[in-house]
N, C-alpha and C. Protein backbone atom coordinates (compact mmCIF):
# COMPACT_ATOMS: atom_id res chain seq x y z
N UNK A 1 -64.06 -5.88 2.25
CA UNK A 1 -63.27 -4.68 2.52
C UNK A 1 -61.80 -5.03 2.38
N UNK A 2 -61.13 -4.34 1.46
CA UNK A 2 -59.72 -4.63 1.20
C UNK A 2 -58.85 -3.96 2.24
N UNK A 3 -57.90 -4.73 2.71
CA UNK A 3 -56.96 -4.16 3.68
C UNK A 3 -55.61 -4.00 3.00
N UNK A 4 -55.04 -2.86 3.20
CA UNK A 4 -53.71 -2.62 2.62
C UNK A 4 -52.66 -3.13 3.58
N UNK A 5 -51.84 -3.99 3.07
CA UNK A 5 -50.78 -4.54 3.93
C UNK A 5 -49.45 -3.92 3.53
N UNK A 6 -48.78 -3.42 4.49
CA UNK A 6 -47.46 -2.85 4.26
C UNK A 6 -46.43 -3.77 4.89
N UNK A 7 -45.31 -3.91 4.17
CA UNK A 7 -44.27 -4.79 4.68
C UNK A 7 -43.20 -3.95 5.38
N UNK A 8 -43.05 -4.20 6.66
CA UNK A 8 -42.01 -3.56 7.43
C UNK A 8 -41.02 -4.63 7.85
N UNK A 9 -39.76 -4.58 7.33
CA UNK A 9 -38.81 -5.62 7.68
C UNK A 9 -38.48 -5.59 9.16
N UNK A 10 -38.33 -6.76 9.73
CA UNK A 10 -37.95 -6.81 11.15
C UNK A 10 -36.60 -6.12 11.36
N UNK A 11 -36.40 -5.53 12.52
CA UNK A 11 -35.14 -4.82 12.78
C UNK A 11 -33.89 -5.67 12.56
N UNK A 12 -33.99 -6.97 12.82
CA UNK A 12 -32.81 -7.82 12.65
C UNK A 12 -32.39 -7.92 11.18
N UNK A 13 -33.35 -7.80 10.25
CA UNK A 13 -33.00 -7.84 8.84
C UNK A 13 -32.28 -6.57 8.41
N UNK A 14 -32.53 -5.48 9.10
CA UNK A 14 -31.88 -4.21 8.76
C UNK A 14 -30.47 -4.12 9.33
N UNK A 15 -30.15 -4.94 10.33
CA UNK A 15 -28.85 -4.87 10.98
C UNK A 15 -27.68 -5.06 10.01
N UNK A 16 -27.71 -6.07 9.11
CA UNK A 16 -26.57 -6.21 8.18
C UNK A 16 -26.38 -4.99 7.29
N UNK A 17 -27.47 -4.36 6.85
CA UNK A 17 -27.35 -3.17 6.01
C UNK A 17 -26.74 -2.01 6.79
N UNK A 18 -27.13 -1.89 8.05
CA UNK A 18 -26.58 -0.84 8.90
C UNK A 18 -25.08 -1.04 9.10
N UNK A 19 -24.69 -2.30 9.40
CA UNK A 19 -23.27 -2.60 9.61
C UNK A 19 -22.45 -2.35 8.35
N UNK A 20 -23.01 -2.69 7.19
CA UNK A 20 -22.33 -2.45 5.92
C UNK A 20 -22.09 -0.96 5.72
N UNK A 21 -23.10 -0.16 6.03
CA UNK A 21 -22.96 1.30 5.89
C UNK A 21 -21.86 1.83 6.81
N UNK A 22 -21.81 1.32 8.05
CA UNK A 22 -20.79 1.76 9.01
C UNK A 22 -19.39 1.40 8.50
N UNK A 23 -19.24 0.18 7.98
CA UNK A 23 -17.94 -0.26 7.46
C UNK A 23 -17.51 0.61 6.29
N UNK A 24 -18.45 0.89 5.37
CA UNK A 24 -18.12 1.71 4.21
C UNK A 24 -17.73 3.12 4.60
N UNK A 25 -18.44 3.68 5.57
CA UNK A 25 -18.13 5.04 6.03
C UNK A 25 -16.75 5.06 6.69
N UNK A 26 -16.45 4.07 7.54
CA UNK A 26 -15.14 4.02 8.20
C UNK A 26 -14.03 3.82 7.20
N UNK A 27 -14.25 2.98 6.19
CA UNK A 27 -13.23 2.76 5.17
C UNK A 27 -12.98 4.05 4.40
N UNK A 28 -14.02 4.78 4.11
CA UNK A 28 -13.88 6.05 3.39
C UNK A 28 -13.06 7.04 4.20
N UNK A 29 -13.26 7.06 5.52
CA UNK A 29 -12.49 7.98 6.37
C UNK A 29 -11.01 7.63 6.30
N UNK A 30 -10.68 6.31 6.40
CA UNK A 30 -9.28 5.89 6.32
C UNK A 30 -8.69 6.28 4.97
N UNK A 31 -9.44 6.05 3.89
CA UNK A 31 -8.95 6.39 2.56
C UNK A 31 -8.68 7.88 2.47
N UNK A 32 -9.57 8.68 3.06
CA UNK A 32 -9.39 10.13 3.03
C UNK A 32 -8.12 10.53 3.76
N UNK A 33 -7.86 9.92 4.93
CA UNK A 33 -6.65 10.23 5.69
C UNK A 33 -5.41 9.89 4.87
N UNK A 34 -5.44 8.74 4.23
CA UNK A 34 -4.28 8.28 3.47
C UNK A 34 -4.09 9.14 2.22
N UNK A 35 -5.19 9.46 1.54
CA UNK A 35 -5.10 10.31 0.35
C UNK A 35 -4.61 11.71 0.71
N UNK A 36 -5.09 12.23 1.84
CA UNK A 36 -4.66 13.55 2.30
C UNK A 36 -3.17 13.56 2.60
N UNK A 37 -2.69 12.49 3.23
CA UNK A 37 -1.27 12.39 3.54
C UNK A 37 -0.44 12.34 2.26
N UNK A 38 -0.87 11.54 1.28
CA UNK A 38 -0.13 11.46 0.02
C UNK A 38 -0.11 12.81 -0.69
N UNK A 39 -1.23 13.52 -0.66
CA UNK A 39 -1.27 14.86 -1.26
C UNK A 39 -0.30 15.80 -0.55
N UNK A 40 -0.26 15.72 0.78
CA UNK A 40 0.65 16.57 1.56
C UNK A 40 2.10 16.25 1.26
N UNK A 41 2.42 14.97 1.15
CA UNK A 41 3.80 14.58 0.84
C UNK A 41 4.18 15.01 -0.57
N UNK A 42 3.25 14.90 -1.51
CA UNK A 42 3.53 15.34 -2.87
C UNK A 42 3.72 16.85 -2.95
N UNK A 43 2.96 17.59 -2.16
CA UNK A 43 3.16 19.05 -2.10
C UNK A 43 4.55 19.36 -1.53
N UNK A 44 4.92 18.62 -0.51
CA UNK A 44 6.25 18.77 0.10
C UNK A 44 7.34 18.49 -0.93
N UNK A 45 7.18 17.40 -1.70
CA UNK A 45 8.18 17.06 -2.72
C UNK A 45 8.21 18.10 -3.85
N UNK A 46 7.04 18.61 -4.23
CA UNK A 46 7.00 19.66 -5.26
C UNK A 46 7.77 20.89 -4.80
N UNK A 47 7.67 21.22 -3.52
CA UNK A 47 8.38 22.39 -3.01
C UNK A 47 9.90 22.21 -3.09
N UNK A 48 10.34 20.95 -3.20
CA UNK A 48 11.76 20.65 -3.34
C UNK A 48 12.12 20.34 -4.80
N UNK A 49 11.19 20.62 -5.71
CA UNK A 49 11.37 20.34 -7.14
C UNK A 49 11.61 18.85 -7.43
N UNK A 50 10.94 18.00 -6.66
CA UNK A 50 11.01 16.55 -6.87
C UNK A 50 9.72 16.09 -7.53
N UNK A 51 9.81 14.96 -8.22
CA UNK A 51 8.60 14.41 -8.85
C UNK A 51 7.64 13.91 -7.76
N UNK A 52 6.37 13.90 -8.09
CA UNK A 52 5.38 13.42 -7.13
C UNK A 52 5.41 11.90 -7.08
N UNK A 53 4.99 11.36 -5.95
CA UNK A 53 4.92 9.91 -5.78
C UNK A 53 3.57 9.43 -6.31
N UNK A 54 3.59 8.36 -7.09
CA UNK A 54 2.34 7.78 -7.57
C UNK A 54 1.86 6.73 -6.59
N UNK A 55 0.57 6.55 -6.54
CA UNK A 55 -0.02 5.59 -5.63
C UNK A 55 0.27 4.18 -6.13
N UNK A 56 0.82 3.34 -5.26
CA UNK A 56 1.16 1.96 -5.59
C UNK A 56 0.27 1.05 -4.75
N UNK A 57 -0.66 0.38 -5.38
CA UNK A 57 -1.64 -0.44 -4.66
C UNK A 57 -1.00 -1.62 -3.95
N UNK A 58 0.06 -2.19 -4.53
CA UNK A 58 0.73 -3.33 -3.89
C UNK A 58 1.45 -2.88 -2.62
N UNK A 59 2.10 -1.71 -2.69
CA UNK A 59 2.74 -1.15 -1.50
C UNK A 59 1.68 -0.77 -0.46
N UNK A 60 0.54 -0.31 -0.94
CA UNK A 60 -0.56 0.03 -0.03
C UNK A 60 -1.04 -1.20 0.73
N UNK A 61 -1.10 -2.33 0.02
CA UNK A 61 -1.50 -3.57 0.66
C UNK A 61 -0.54 -3.93 1.79
N UNK A 62 0.76 -3.84 1.51
CA UNK A 62 1.75 -4.14 2.55
C UNK A 62 1.68 -3.13 3.69
N UNK A 63 1.47 -1.87 3.36
CA UNK A 63 1.35 -0.84 4.40
C UNK A 63 0.18 -1.13 5.33
N UNK A 64 -0.93 -1.58 4.75
CA UNK A 64 -2.11 -1.94 5.56
C UNK A 64 -1.78 -3.12 6.48
N UNK A 65 -1.08 -4.12 5.94
CA UNK A 65 -0.72 -5.30 6.74
C UNK A 65 0.23 -4.90 7.86
N UNK A 66 1.20 -4.03 7.57
CA UNK A 66 2.14 -3.60 8.60
C UNK A 66 1.44 -2.76 9.67
N UNK A 67 0.54 -1.86 9.24
CA UNK A 67 -0.20 -1.04 10.21
C UNK A 67 -1.01 -1.93 11.14
N UNK A 68 -1.57 -2.99 10.58
CA UNK A 68 -2.34 -3.94 11.39
C UNK A 68 -1.45 -4.61 12.44
N UNK A 69 -0.19 -4.87 12.08
CA UNK A 69 0.75 -5.47 13.02
C UNK A 69 1.18 -4.48 14.10
N UNK A 70 1.33 -3.21 13.72
CA UNK A 70 1.77 -2.18 14.67
C UNK A 70 0.68 -1.75 15.64
N UNK A 71 -0.58 -1.96 15.28
CA UNK A 71 -1.69 -1.34 16.02
C UNK A 71 -1.70 -1.67 17.51
N UNK A 72 -1.16 -2.81 17.90
CA UNK A 72 -1.16 -3.18 19.32
C UNK A 72 0.07 -2.69 20.07
N UNK A 73 1.00 -2.04 19.35
CA UNK A 73 2.18 -1.51 20.01
C UNK A 73 1.85 -0.14 20.60
N UNK A 74 2.44 0.18 21.76
CA UNK A 74 2.15 1.49 22.36
C UNK A 74 2.65 2.63 21.50
N UNK A 75 1.96 3.75 21.60
CA UNK A 75 2.31 4.93 20.82
C UNK A 75 3.38 5.70 21.58
N UNK A 76 4.59 5.80 20.98
CA UNK A 76 5.67 6.55 21.62
C UNK A 76 6.14 7.64 20.67
N UNK A 77 7.01 8.50 21.17
CA UNK A 77 7.52 9.58 20.34
C UNK A 77 8.65 9.13 19.42
N UNK A 78 9.23 7.97 19.68
CA UNK A 78 10.32 7.49 18.84
C UNK A 78 9.84 6.29 18.05
N UNK A 79 9.57 6.52 16.77
CA UNK A 79 9.06 5.43 15.94
C UNK A 79 10.16 4.76 15.14
N UNK A 80 11.32 5.40 14.98
CA UNK A 80 12.44 4.76 14.29
C UNK A 80 12.18 4.47 12.84
N UNK A 81 13.24 4.33 12.09
CA UNK A 81 13.13 4.05 10.66
C UNK A 81 13.33 2.57 10.43
N UNK A 82 12.53 2.00 9.58
CA UNK A 82 12.64 0.58 9.28
C UNK A 82 12.63 0.37 7.78
N UNK A 83 13.67 -0.25 7.25
CA UNK A 83 13.63 -0.62 5.85
C UNK A 83 12.69 -1.81 5.72
N UNK A 84 12.19 -2.04 4.53
CA UNK A 84 11.26 -3.15 4.36
C UNK A 84 11.89 -4.48 4.78
N UNK A 85 13.15 -4.81 4.33
CA UNK A 85 13.73 -6.06 4.81
C UNK A 85 13.91 -6.08 6.33
N UNK A 86 14.20 -4.91 6.94
CA UNK A 86 14.37 -4.84 8.38
C UNK A 86 13.10 -5.17 9.13
N UNK A 87 11.97 -4.94 8.48
CA UNK A 87 10.69 -5.26 9.11
C UNK A 87 10.59 -6.77 9.34
N UNK A 88 11.31 -7.52 8.52
CA UNK A 88 11.32 -8.97 8.66
C UNK A 88 11.80 -9.37 10.05
N UNK A 89 12.73 -8.58 10.62
CA UNK A 89 13.25 -8.88 11.95
C UNK A 89 12.23 -8.53 13.03
N UNK A 90 11.38 -7.55 12.76
CA UNK A 90 10.38 -7.16 13.76
C UNK A 90 9.20 -8.11 13.79
N UNK A 91 8.86 -8.67 12.65
CA UNK A 91 7.69 -9.54 12.58
C UNK A 91 8.12 -10.92 12.09
N UNK A 92 7.89 -11.93 12.92
CA UNK A 92 8.25 -13.29 12.53
C UNK A 92 7.44 -13.76 11.31
N UNK A 93 6.31 -13.09 11.07
CA UNK A 93 5.43 -13.48 9.96
C UNK A 93 5.56 -12.55 8.76
N UNK A 94 6.72 -11.88 8.63
CA UNK A 94 6.89 -10.89 7.56
C UNK A 94 6.66 -11.49 6.18
N UNK A 95 7.19 -12.69 5.95
CA UNK A 95 7.01 -13.31 4.63
C UNK A 95 5.55 -13.62 4.35
N UNK A 96 4.80 -13.96 5.38
CA UNK A 96 3.37 -14.21 5.17
C UNK A 96 2.63 -12.90 4.89
N UNK A 97 3.11 -11.78 5.45
CA UNK A 97 2.51 -10.47 5.15
C UNK A 97 2.75 -10.14 3.67
N UNK A 98 3.97 -10.42 3.19
CA UNK A 98 4.26 -10.21 1.78
C UNK A 98 3.37 -11.11 0.92
N UNK A 99 3.24 -12.36 1.34
CA UNK A 99 2.44 -13.32 0.56
C UNK A 99 0.98 -12.89 0.47
N UNK A 100 0.45 -12.28 1.53
CA UNK A 100 -0.94 -11.79 1.49
C UNK A 100 -1.14 -10.77 0.38
N UNK A 101 -0.06 -10.05 0.07
CA UNK A 101 -0.13 -9.02 -0.98
C UNK A 101 0.46 -9.52 -2.29
N UNK A 102 0.74 -10.82 -2.37
CA UNK A 102 1.34 -11.44 -3.57
C UNK A 102 2.67 -10.79 -3.91
N UNK A 103 3.46 -10.50 -2.87
CA UNK A 103 4.78 -9.89 -3.04
C UNK A 103 5.85 -10.85 -2.54
N UNK A 104 7.09 -10.60 -2.93
CA UNK A 104 8.21 -11.35 -2.37
C UNK A 104 9.36 -10.39 -2.08
N UNK A 105 10.34 -10.89 -1.33
CA UNK A 105 11.44 -10.04 -0.88
C UNK A 105 12.22 -9.45 -2.05
N UNK A 106 12.38 -10.21 -3.13
CA UNK A 106 13.20 -9.73 -4.25
C UNK A 106 12.62 -8.49 -4.92
N UNK A 107 11.29 -8.31 -4.89
CA UNK A 107 10.67 -7.14 -5.52
C UNK A 107 10.38 -6.01 -4.53
N UNK A 108 10.75 -6.21 -3.27
CA UNK A 108 10.50 -5.18 -2.26
C UNK A 108 11.77 -4.73 -1.56
N UNK A 109 12.90 -5.30 -1.95
CA UNK A 109 14.18 -5.08 -1.27
C UNK A 109 14.58 -3.61 -1.19
N UNK A 110 14.36 -2.85 -2.26
CA UNK A 110 14.77 -1.45 -2.27
C UNK A 110 13.68 -0.50 -1.77
N UNK A 111 12.58 -1.05 -1.30
CA UNK A 111 11.52 -0.21 -0.77
C UNK A 111 11.86 0.30 0.63
N UNK A 112 11.01 1.13 1.15
CA UNK A 112 11.23 1.71 2.48
C UNK A 112 9.90 1.78 3.22
N UNK A 113 9.84 1.16 4.38
CA UNK A 113 8.63 1.23 5.21
C UNK A 113 8.87 2.23 6.34
N UNK A 114 7.90 3.14 6.53
CA UNK A 114 8.04 4.18 7.54
C UNK A 114 6.79 4.21 8.42
N UNK A 115 6.84 3.55 9.57
CA UNK A 115 5.68 3.58 10.48
C UNK A 115 5.73 4.80 11.40
N UNK A 116 4.57 5.30 11.74
CA UNK A 116 4.48 6.40 12.70
C UNK A 116 3.21 6.24 13.52
N UNK A 117 3.29 6.66 14.76
CA UNK A 117 2.13 6.61 15.64
C UNK A 117 1.76 8.03 16.04
N UNK A 118 0.55 8.43 15.68
CA UNK A 118 0.07 9.78 15.98
C UNK A 118 -1.33 9.65 16.56
N UNK A 119 -1.55 10.12 17.78
CA UNK A 119 -2.88 10.00 18.38
C UNK A 119 -3.98 10.55 17.48
N UNK A 120 -4.98 9.74 17.26
CA UNK A 120 -6.14 10.08 16.43
C UNK A 120 -5.79 10.40 14.98
N UNK A 121 -4.54 10.13 14.60
CA UNK A 121 -4.06 10.39 13.23
C UNK A 121 -4.43 11.79 12.75
N UNK A 122 -4.13 12.77 13.60
CA UNK A 122 -4.37 14.16 13.24
C UNK A 122 -3.57 14.48 11.97
N UNK A 123 -4.24 14.91 10.88
CA UNK A 123 -3.58 15.07 9.58
C UNK A 123 -2.35 15.98 9.60
N UNK A 124 -2.42 17.10 10.33
CA UNK A 124 -1.29 18.02 10.38
C UNK A 124 -0.10 17.39 11.08
N UNK A 125 -0.38 16.71 12.21
CA UNK A 125 0.70 16.06 12.95
C UNK A 125 1.28 14.88 12.18
N UNK A 126 0.43 14.15 11.47
CA UNK A 126 0.91 13.01 10.69
C UNK A 126 1.88 13.49 9.63
N UNK A 127 1.50 14.52 8.89
CA UNK A 127 2.37 15.04 7.83
C UNK A 127 3.68 15.55 8.42
N UNK A 128 3.60 16.29 9.53
CA UNK A 128 4.80 16.81 10.18
C UNK A 128 5.69 15.68 10.68
N UNK A 129 5.08 14.58 11.11
CA UNK A 129 5.83 13.44 11.61
C UNK A 129 6.72 12.85 10.52
N UNK A 130 6.26 12.92 9.27
CA UNK A 130 7.05 12.36 8.17
C UNK A 130 8.00 13.38 7.56
N UNK A 131 7.53 14.61 7.37
CA UNK A 131 8.36 15.61 6.68
C UNK A 131 9.35 16.29 7.62
N UNK A 132 9.11 16.25 8.92
CA UNK A 132 9.99 16.93 9.87
C UNK A 132 10.77 15.98 10.75
N UNK A 133 11.00 14.76 10.30
CA UNK A 133 11.73 13.77 11.09
C UNK A 133 12.79 13.13 10.23
N UNK A 134 13.39 12.05 10.75
CA UNK A 134 14.40 11.33 9.98
C UNK A 134 13.81 10.75 8.70
N UNK A 135 12.50 10.63 8.63
CA UNK A 135 11.86 10.11 7.42
C UNK A 135 12.00 11.07 6.23
N UNK A 136 12.24 12.35 6.51
CA UNK A 136 12.33 13.32 5.42
C UNK A 136 13.45 12.99 4.45
N UNK A 137 14.52 12.33 4.92
CA UNK A 137 15.62 11.98 4.02
C UNK A 137 15.16 11.00 2.96
N UNK A 138 14.21 10.13 3.30
CA UNK A 138 13.66 9.20 2.31
C UNK A 138 12.69 9.92 1.37
N UNK A 139 11.90 10.83 1.95
CA UNK A 139 10.96 11.58 1.12
C UNK A 139 11.68 12.54 0.17
N UNK A 140 12.91 12.92 0.52
CA UNK A 140 13.70 13.81 -0.33
C UNK A 140 14.48 13.05 -1.40
N UNK A 141 14.47 11.74 -1.33
CA UNK A 141 15.29 10.91 -2.22
C UNK A 141 14.60 10.72 -3.57
N UNK A 142 15.31 11.03 -4.63
CA UNK A 142 14.73 10.95 -5.98
C UNK A 142 14.50 9.51 -6.45
N UNK A 143 15.13 8.54 -5.80
CA UNK A 143 14.95 7.16 -6.26
C UNK A 143 13.55 6.62 -5.98
N UNK A 144 12.86 7.23 -5.02
CA UNK A 144 11.50 6.77 -4.71
C UNK A 144 10.50 7.42 -5.64
N UNK A 145 9.68 6.58 -6.25
CA UNK A 145 8.74 7.07 -7.27
C UNK A 145 7.28 6.79 -6.93
N UNK A 146 7.04 5.91 -5.97
CA UNK A 146 5.67 5.56 -5.62
C UNK A 146 5.51 5.37 -4.12
N UNK A 147 4.26 5.27 -3.69
CA UNK A 147 4.00 5.10 -2.26
C UNK A 147 2.68 4.37 -2.05
N UNK A 148 2.64 3.62 -0.99
CA UNK A 148 1.41 3.01 -0.52
C UNK A 148 1.25 3.36 0.94
N UNK A 149 0.05 3.70 1.36
CA UNK A 149 -0.18 4.14 2.74
C UNK A 149 -1.29 3.30 3.35
N UNK A 150 -1.07 2.85 4.58
CA UNK A 150 -2.08 2.11 5.31
C UNK A 150 -2.13 2.58 6.75
N UNK A 151 -3.28 2.46 7.38
CA UNK A 151 -3.41 2.90 8.76
C UNK A 151 -4.31 1.96 9.54
N UNK A 152 -4.07 1.93 10.83
CA UNK A 152 -4.90 1.14 11.74
C UNK A 152 -4.75 1.72 13.13
N UNK A 153 -5.84 2.13 13.73
CA UNK A 153 -5.78 2.76 15.04
C UNK A 153 -5.01 4.06 14.96
N UNK A 154 -4.01 4.21 15.84
CA UNK A 154 -3.17 5.42 15.84
C UNK A 154 -1.94 5.28 14.96
N UNK A 155 -1.80 4.14 14.30
CA UNK A 155 -0.61 3.89 13.49
C UNK A 155 -0.89 4.12 12.02
N UNK A 156 0.10 4.71 11.34
CA UNK A 156 0.02 4.90 9.90
C UNK A 156 1.38 4.53 9.32
N UNK A 157 1.37 3.84 8.19
CA UNK A 157 2.61 3.35 7.59
C UNK A 157 2.66 3.80 6.14
N UNK A 158 3.79 4.37 5.75
CA UNK A 158 4.05 4.68 4.34
C UNK A 158 5.09 3.69 3.84
N UNK A 159 4.82 3.07 2.72
CA UNK A 159 5.80 2.21 2.07
C UNK A 159 6.18 2.87 0.74
N UNK A 160 7.45 3.23 0.60
CA UNK A 160 7.94 3.87 -0.61
C UNK A 160 8.44 2.82 -1.60
N UNK A 161 8.22 3.06 -2.88
CA UNK A 161 8.64 2.13 -3.92
C UNK A 161 9.57 2.85 -4.90
N UNK A 162 10.29 2.06 -5.69
CA UNK A 162 11.18 2.60 -6.70
C UNK A 162 10.73 2.11 -8.07
N UNK A 163 11.39 2.59 -9.10
CA UNK A 163 11.04 2.14 -10.45
C UNK A 163 11.89 0.96 -10.90
N UNK A 164 12.91 0.59 -10.10
CA UNK A 164 13.72 -0.56 -10.47
C UNK A 164 13.05 -1.85 -9.99
N UNK A 165 13.40 -3.00 -10.57
CA UNK A 165 12.73 -4.26 -10.22
C UNK A 165 12.80 -4.61 -8.74
N UNK A 166 13.90 -4.26 -8.06
CA UNK A 166 14.05 -4.64 -6.65
C UNK A 166 13.19 -3.80 -5.70
N UNK A 167 12.58 -2.75 -6.23
CA UNK A 167 11.72 -1.92 -5.37
C UNK A 167 10.40 -1.59 -6.01
N UNK A 168 10.06 -2.35 -7.05
CA UNK A 168 8.85 -2.05 -7.84
C UNK A 168 7.56 -2.52 -7.18
N UNK A 169 7.67 -3.48 -6.25
CA UNK A 169 6.50 -4.05 -5.58
C UNK A 169 5.54 -4.67 -6.61
N UNK A 170 6.10 -5.18 -7.69
CA UNK A 170 5.28 -5.91 -8.67
C UNK A 170 4.93 -7.25 -8.05
N UNK A 171 3.68 -7.63 -8.15
CA UNK A 171 3.27 -8.91 -7.58
C UNK A 171 3.90 -10.06 -8.34
N UNK A 172 4.10 -11.17 -7.64
CA UNK A 172 4.73 -12.30 -8.32
C UNK A 172 3.83 -12.87 -9.40
N UNK A 173 2.52 -12.66 -9.32
CA UNK A 173 1.63 -13.08 -10.41
C UNK A 173 1.93 -12.26 -11.66
N UNK A 174 2.11 -10.95 -11.50
CA UNK A 174 2.42 -10.08 -12.64
C UNK A 174 3.80 -10.38 -13.17
N UNK A 175 4.76 -10.66 -12.27
CA UNK A 175 6.12 -10.96 -12.69
C UNK A 175 6.16 -12.26 -13.49
N UNK A 176 5.44 -13.29 -13.02
CA UNK A 176 5.44 -14.56 -13.73
C UNK A 176 4.74 -14.41 -15.08
N UNK A 177 3.71 -13.55 -15.14
CA UNK A 177 3.02 -13.32 -16.41
C UNK A 177 3.98 -12.63 -17.40
N UNK A 178 4.78 -11.69 -16.91
CA UNK A 178 5.75 -11.02 -17.77
C UNK A 178 6.77 -12.01 -18.31
N UNK A 179 7.23 -12.92 -17.45
CA UNK A 179 8.19 -13.94 -17.89
C UNK A 179 7.56 -14.85 -18.93
N UNK A 180 6.30 -15.26 -18.67
CA UNK A 180 5.61 -16.14 -19.62
C UNK A 180 5.42 -15.43 -20.96
N UNK A 181 5.05 -14.14 -20.93
CA UNK A 181 4.86 -13.40 -22.17
C UNK A 181 6.18 -13.27 -22.92
N UNK A 182 7.28 -13.11 -22.18
CA UNK A 182 8.60 -13.04 -22.81
C UNK A 182 8.97 -14.34 -23.50
N UNK A 183 8.69 -15.45 -22.85
CA UNK A 183 8.97 -16.77 -23.43
C UNK A 183 8.11 -16.98 -24.67
N UNK A 184 6.84 -16.63 -24.58
CA UNK A 184 5.93 -16.80 -25.72
C UNK A 184 6.38 -15.96 -26.90
N UNK A 185 6.79 -14.70 -26.64
CA UNK A 185 7.23 -13.83 -27.75
C UNK A 185 8.49 -14.39 -28.39
N UNK A 186 9.41 -14.96 -27.60
CA UNK A 186 10.62 -15.57 -28.16
C UNK A 186 10.27 -16.78 -29.02
N UNK A 187 9.33 -17.60 -28.54
CA UNK A 187 8.91 -18.78 -29.30
C UNK A 187 8.26 -18.38 -30.62
N UNK A 188 7.43 -17.32 -30.57
CA UNK A 188 6.79 -16.85 -31.80
C UNK A 188 7.83 -16.32 -32.79
N UNK A 189 8.85 -15.63 -32.25
CA UNK A 189 9.92 -15.12 -33.11
C UNK A 189 10.66 -16.27 -33.80
N UNK A 190 10.99 -17.30 -33.01
CA UNK A 190 11.68 -18.47 -33.58
C UNK A 190 10.81 -19.19 -34.60
N UNK A 191 9.52 -19.28 -34.32
CA UNK A 191 8.59 -19.91 -35.26
C UNK A 191 8.54 -19.12 -36.56
N UNK A 192 8.54 -17.79 -36.44
CA UNK A 192 8.55 -16.94 -37.63
C UNK A 192 9.80 -17.14 -38.46
N UNK A 193 10.96 -17.24 -37.78
CA UNK A 193 12.21 -17.49 -38.51
C UNK A 193 12.18 -18.85 -39.21
N UNK A 194 11.65 -19.82 -38.51
CA UNK A 194 11.56 -21.17 -39.08
C UNK A 194 10.68 -21.16 -40.33
N UNK A 195 9.56 -20.45 -40.28
CA UNK A 195 8.67 -20.37 -41.42
C UNK A 195 9.33 -19.67 -42.60
N UNK A 196 10.15 -18.65 -42.31
CA UNK A 196 10.85 -17.92 -43.38
C UNK A 196 11.80 -18.87 -44.12
N UNK A 197 12.53 -19.68 -43.35
CA UNK A 197 13.48 -20.59 -43.97
C UNK A 197 12.80 -21.75 -44.68
N UNK A 198 11.67 -22.18 -44.18
CA UNK A 198 10.92 -23.28 -44.80
C UNK A 198 10.31 -22.82 -46.12
N UNK A 199 9.75 -21.60 -46.13
CA UNK A 199 9.10 -21.07 -47.33
C UNK A 199 10.18 -20.58 -48.26
């Protein structure tokens, strides 16, 4: 008599899959909050006939790192404005935060970091916190062309970027690659000239 055997995985084997699902769902919620905020800010800028901000992944990385640093600070009504270099004074490990995102001070100098604490990160209150506060002067500024947003707990941070090298948030890996490509193109040009004169 044949017996049909069914395999039922022990509950402990299912635990990692369950935890992975929870992490993915939570990450999606954070992404939604951040995307919603960027859409709201871009609508605000459009109403002022300003160009929309493009998503900058390197600035987003720094925003996430800064939000992680702010998360243990109490939530108050006065969040203050902090330029990216000024954040260096607030966090003794600022350079290591930049390094985690493969950034350096020279490519982030003209950026702007704007932290805010809003209970439960209510989307309407978060948007109002940026567009109806001292932060609006930065959001109204035409020099800013990109943004990265990160959140942790009740804290959310927007990092604004510019199109100039000092605020581009280009990673030092990309910057060194650009320099190397420039050197290679110059060498190839010189080699071409040399070949012309030889032939």
